[in-house]
Amino acid sequence: MAISISLVFVFAVAVWMLHRYAGLKAWHAITCILFGFYLATSSLAPEIRTTITAIVHAISGQG
């Protein structure tokens, strides 16, 4: 049985845990979110997506 979890959900949980337990300030999280939006629209976005997909497939054993 395979379970699929969105990376967005995983990152959201990680940010929440950092905020709750590691003292991450709200403005730090907002800065990271804005950086992610700008990075997603950059010319590096396709390469980042390909690299993340390859890492996830290597970890999960698919492919």
N, C-alpha and C. Protein backbone atom coordinates (compact mmCIF):
# COMPACT_ATOMS: atom_id res chain seq x y z
N MET A 1 0.84 -1.18 0.00
CA MET A 1 0.00 0.00 0.00
C MET A 1 0.89 1.24 0.00
N ALA A 2 0.69 2.12 -0.94
CA ALA A 2 1.47 3.34 -1.04
C ALA A 2 0.67 4.52 -0.51
N ILE A 3 1.36 5.37 0.21
CA ILE A 3 0.74 6.59 0.74
C ILE A 3 1.41 7.77 0.07
N SER A 4 0.63 8.66 -0.47
CA SER A 4 1.16 9.83 -1.16
C SER A 4 0.88 11.07 -0.32
N ILE A 5 1.95 11.82 -0.02
CA ILE A 5 1.82 13.05 0.75
C ILE A 5 2.40 14.18 -0.09
N SER A 6 1.66 15.25 -0.20
CA SER A 6 2.13 16.41 -0.95
C SER A 6 3.32 17.05 -0.25
N LEU A 7 4.32 17.45 -1.02
CA LEU A 7 5.47 18.13 -0.43
C LEU A 7 5.07 19.47 0.17
N VAL A 8 4.03 20.09 -0.37
CA VAL A 8 3.54 21.34 0.21
C VAL A 8 3.06 21.09 1.63
N PHE A 9 2.35 19.98 1.84
CA PHE A 9 1.87 19.63 3.18
C PHE A 9 3.05 19.35 4.10
N VAL A 10 4.05 18.64 3.62
CA VAL A 10 5.23 18.33 4.44
C VAL A 10 5.94 19.60 4.85
N PHE A 11 6.12 20.53 3.90
CA PHE A 11 6.77 21.80 4.23
C PHE A 11 5.92 22.64 5.17
N ALA A 12 4.60 22.60 5.01
CA ALA A 12 3.72 23.34 5.92
C ALA A 12 3.84 22.82 7.35
N VAL A 13 3.89 21.51 7.50
CA VAL A 13 4.08 20.93 8.83
C VAL A 13 5.44 21.30 9.40
N ALA A 14 6.46 21.30 8.56
CA ALA A 14 7.81 21.67 9.02
C ALA A 14 7.85 23.12 9.49
N VAL A 15 7.20 24.02 8.75
CA VAL A 15 7.18 25.42 9.16
C VAL A 15 6.40 25.58 10.46
N TRP A 16 5.28 24.89 10.56
CA TRP A 16 4.49 24.96 11.80
C TRP A 16 5.31 24.46 13.00
N MET A 17 6.03 23.36 12.81
CA MET A 17 6.84 22.81 13.91
C MET A 17 7.98 23.77 14.27
N LEU A 18 8.60 24.37 13.27
CA LEU A 18 9.65 25.36 13.55
C LEU A 18 9.08 26.56 14.30
N HIS A 19 7.90 27.00 13.91
CA HIS A 19 7.26 28.12 14.59
C HIS A 19 6.92 27.75 16.03
N ARG A 20 6.40 26.57 16.21
CA ARG A 20 5.93 26.13 17.53
C ARG A 20 7.08 25.80 18.49
N TYR A 21 8.08 25.08 18.01
CA TYR A 21 9.10 24.53 18.90
C TYR A 21 10.48 25.19 18.78
N ALA A 22 10.78 25.84 17.67
CA ALA A 22 12.13 26.38 17.48
C ALA A 22 12.16 27.90 17.49
N GLY A 23 11.04 28.52 17.77
CA GLY A 23 11.02 29.97 17.89
C GLY A 23 11.05 30.71 16.57
N LEU A 24 10.59 30.08 15.49
CA LEU A 24 10.53 30.76 14.19
C LEU A 24 9.51 31.89 14.28
N LYS A 25 9.94 33.06 13.95
CA LYS A 25 9.05 34.23 13.97
C LYS A 25 8.18 34.24 12.72
N ALA A 26 7.01 34.85 12.83
CA ALA A 26 6.08 34.90 11.69
C ALA A 26 6.72 35.59 10.50
N TRP A 27 7.48 36.66 10.74
CA TRP A 27 8.07 37.38 9.61
C TRP A 27 9.16 36.55 8.93
N HIS A 28 9.80 35.64 9.66
CA HIS A 28 10.77 34.73 9.03
C HIS A 28 10.03 33.80 8.06
N ALA A 29 8.92 33.25 8.53
CA ALA A 29 8.13 32.34 7.68
C ALA A 29 7.61 33.07 6.45
N ILE A 30 7.12 34.29 6.63
CA ILE A 30 6.61 35.07 5.50
C ILE A 30 7.72 35.35 4.49
N THR A 31 8.90 35.67 4.99
CA THR A 31 10.04 35.90 4.10
C THR A 31 10.37 34.65 3.30
N CYS A 32 10.36 33.50 3.95
CA CYS A 32 10.63 32.24 3.25
C CYS A 32 9.56 31.93 2.21
N ILE A 33 8.31 32.20 2.53
CA ILE A 33 7.22 31.96 1.59
C ILE A 33 7.36 32.86 0.37
N LEU A 34 7.64 34.14 0.60
CA LEU A 34 7.83 35.06 -0.52
C LEU A 34 9.02 34.66 -1.38
N PHE A 35 10.10 34.22 -0.74
CA PHE A 35 11.26 33.75 -1.48
C PHE A 35 10.87 32.56 -2.36
N GLY A 36 10.07 31.65 -1.83
CA GLY A 36 9.62 30.50 -2.60
C GLY A 36 8.80 30.90 -3.81
N PHE A 37 7.90 31.88 -3.64
CA PHE A 37 7.11 32.35 -4.77
C PHE A 37 7.99 32.96 -5.86
N TYR A 38 8.94 33.79 -5.46
CA TYR A 38 9.82 34.40 -6.45
C TYR A 38 10.74 33.36 -7.10
N LEU A 39 11.19 32.39 -6.33
CA LEU A 39 12.03 31.33 -6.88
C LEU A 39 11.25 30.48 -7.88
N ALA A 40 9.97 30.25 -7.61
CA ALA A 40 9.14 29.45 -8.51
C ALA A 40 8.94 30.11 -9.86
N THR A 41 9.05 31.43 -9.91
CA THR A 41 8.88 32.14 -11.18
C THR A 41 10.22 32.44 -11.87
N SER A 42 11.31 31.99 -11.27
CA SER A 42 12.63 32.26 -11.85
C SER A 42 12.97 31.22 -12.91
N SER A 43 14.07 31.43 -13.57
CA SER A 43 14.53 30.48 -14.59
C SER A 43 15.08 29.20 -13.98
N LEU A 44 15.30 29.19 -12.68
CA LEU A 44 15.80 27.99 -12.00
C LEU A 44 14.69 27.00 -11.66
N ALA A 45 13.44 27.42 -11.74
CA ALA A 45 12.32 26.59 -11.31
C ALA A 45 12.27 25.21 -11.96
N PRO A 46 12.42 25.09 -13.29
CA PRO A 46 12.37 23.74 -13.89
C PRO A 46 13.48 22.81 -13.38
N GLU A 47 14.67 23.34 -13.21
CA GLU A 47 15.78 22.51 -12.72
C GLU A 47 15.55 22.08 -11.27
N ILE A 48 15.02 22.98 -10.47
CA ILE A 48 14.71 22.65 -9.07
C ILE A 48 13.64 21.57 -9.02
N ARG A 49 12.60 21.70 -9.84
CA ARG A 49 11.52 20.70 -9.88
C ARG A 49 12.06 19.33 -10.30
N THR A 50 12.92 19.31 -11.31
CA THR A 50 13.51 18.06 -11.78
C THR A 50 14.36 17.41 -10.69
N THR A 51 15.15 18.21 -10.00
CA THR A 51 16.02 17.69 -8.94
C THR A 51 15.20 17.14 -7.78
N ILE A 52 14.18 17.89 -7.35
CA ILE A 52 13.32 17.42 -6.26
C ILE A 52 12.61 16.13 -6.64
N THR A 53 12.11 16.06 -7.87
CA THR A 53 11.43 14.84 -8.34
C THR A 53 12.39 13.65 -8.33
N ALA A 54 13.62 13.85 -8.77
CA ALA A 54 14.61 12.77 -8.78
C ALA A 54 14.93 12.31 -7.36
N ILE A 55 15.04 13.25 -6.44
CA ILE A 55 15.35 12.89 -5.04
C ILE A 55 14.19 12.11 -4.43
N VAL A 56 12.96 12.57 -4.67
CA VAL A 56 11.79 11.87 -4.11
C VAL A 56 11.69 10.47 -4.71
N HIS A 57 11.93 10.34 -5.99
CA HIS A 57 11.87 9.00 -6.61
C HIS A 57 12.98 8.11 -6.07
N ALA A 58 14.17 8.65 -5.83
CA ALA A 58 15.26 7.85 -5.27
C ALA A 58 14.94 7.39 -3.86
N ILE A 59 14.35 8.28 -3.06
CA ILE A 59 14.02 7.92 -1.67
C ILE A 59 12.89 6.89 -1.63
N SER A 60 11.89 7.07 -2.49
CA SER A 60 10.74 6.19 -2.47
C SER A 60 10.97 4.88 -3.23
N GLY A 61 12.05 4.81 -4.00
CA GLY A 61 12.36 3.59 -4.73
C GLY A 61 11.59 3.46 -6.03
N GLN A 62 11.00 4.54 -6.50
CA GLN A 62 10.27 4.51 -7.76
C GLN A 62 11.18 5.00 -8.89
N GLY A 63 11.65 4.13 -9.66
CA GLY A 63 12.27 4.53 -10.77
C GLY A 63 13.49 4.85 -11.28
